[in-house]
């Protein structure tokens, strides 16, 4: 991905742990990523909603 903007999703790792995966970057730069493990799916959904709401307030738009 050359320019992901900001992408967030709920994922399961190889060991079955649920977490929030984020990928972001700028045009002409390498993308960065982060995985935050969370205790369960409900917590992951709440975290995704909160993060998406925060990013929209800062000017990010849904694709």
Protein backbone atom coordinates (compact mmCIF):
# COMPACT_ATOMS: atom_id res chain seq x y z
CA UNK A 1 0.00 0.00 0.00
CA UNK A 2 1.56 3.28 -1.03
CA UNK A 3 -1.03 5.66 0.42
CA UNK A 4 -3.46 4.02 2.78
CA UNK A 5 -4.53 7.26 4.46
CA UNK A 6 -5.79 5.65 7.67
CA UNK A 7 -7.20 2.13 7.74
CA UNK A 8 -8.55 0.40 10.85
CA UNK A 9 -10.02 -3.07 11.20
CA UNK A 10 -10.67 -5.78 13.76
CA UNK A 11 -8.46 -8.82 13.19
CA UNK A 12 -7.56 -12.10 14.85
CA UNK A 13 -3.89 -13.01 15.13
CA UNK A 14 -2.39 -16.47 14.61
CA UNK A 15 -3.05 -17.40 18.24
CA UNK A 16 -6.74 -16.42 18.20
CA UNK A 17 -6.31 -13.10 20.02
CA UNK A 18 -8.61 -10.30 18.88
CA UNK A 19 -7.21 -6.87 18.25
CA UNK A 20 -7.39 -3.62 16.37
CA UNK A 21 -5.08 -3.28 13.36
CA UNK A 22 -4.26 0.18 12.04
CA UNK A 23 -2.34 1.17 8.92
CA UNK A 24 -1.54 4.76 7.95
CA UNK A 25 0.79 6.67 5.72
CA UNK A 26 1.39 9.60 3.43
CA UNK A 27 1.89 9.88 -0.28
CA UNK A 28 5.45 8.94 -1.20
CA UNK A 29 6.24 7.33 2.16
CA UNK A 30 6.12 3.79 3.47
CA UNK A 31 2.99 2.80 5.34
CA UNK A 32 3.18 2.27 9.10
CA UNK A 33 1.10 -0.20 11.06
CA UNK A 34 0.16 -1.09 14.60
CA UNK A 35 -1.71 -3.99 16.25
CA UNK A 36 -3.36 -3.46 19.64
CA UNK A 37 -4.47 -6.73 21.29
CA UNK A 38 -7.80 -6.49 23.12
CA UNK A 39 -9.50 -8.88 25.56
CA UNK A 40 -12.57 -9.72 23.46
CA UNK A 41 -14.59 -8.89 20.33
CA UNK A 42 -16.96 -6.51 22.15
CA UNK A 43 -14.06 -4.42 23.40
CA UNK A 44 -12.54 -4.43 19.90
CA UNK A 45 -15.80 -3.17 18.37
CA UNK A 46 -16.04 -0.38 20.95
CA UNK A 47 -12.40 0.60 20.34
CA UNK A 48 -12.93 0.66 16.56
CA UNK A 49 -16.02 2.86 16.88
CA UNK A 50 -14.26 5.26 19.23
CA UNK A 51 -11.16 5.52 17.02
CA UNK A 52 -13.23 5.99 13.85
CA UNK A 53 -15.27 8.74 15.51
CA UNK A 54 -12.07 10.47 16.66
CA UNK A 55 -10.52 10.31 13.18
CA UNK A 56 -13.70 11.67 11.53
CA UNK A 57 -13.63 14.64 13.91
CA UNK A 58 -10.08 15.33 12.72
CA UNK A 59 -11.17 15.42 9.09
CA UNK A 60 -10.70 11.84 7.90
CA UNK A 61 -13.46 10.51 5.63
CA UNK A 62 -14.86 7.04 5.03
CA UNK A 63 -14.04 5.37 1.75
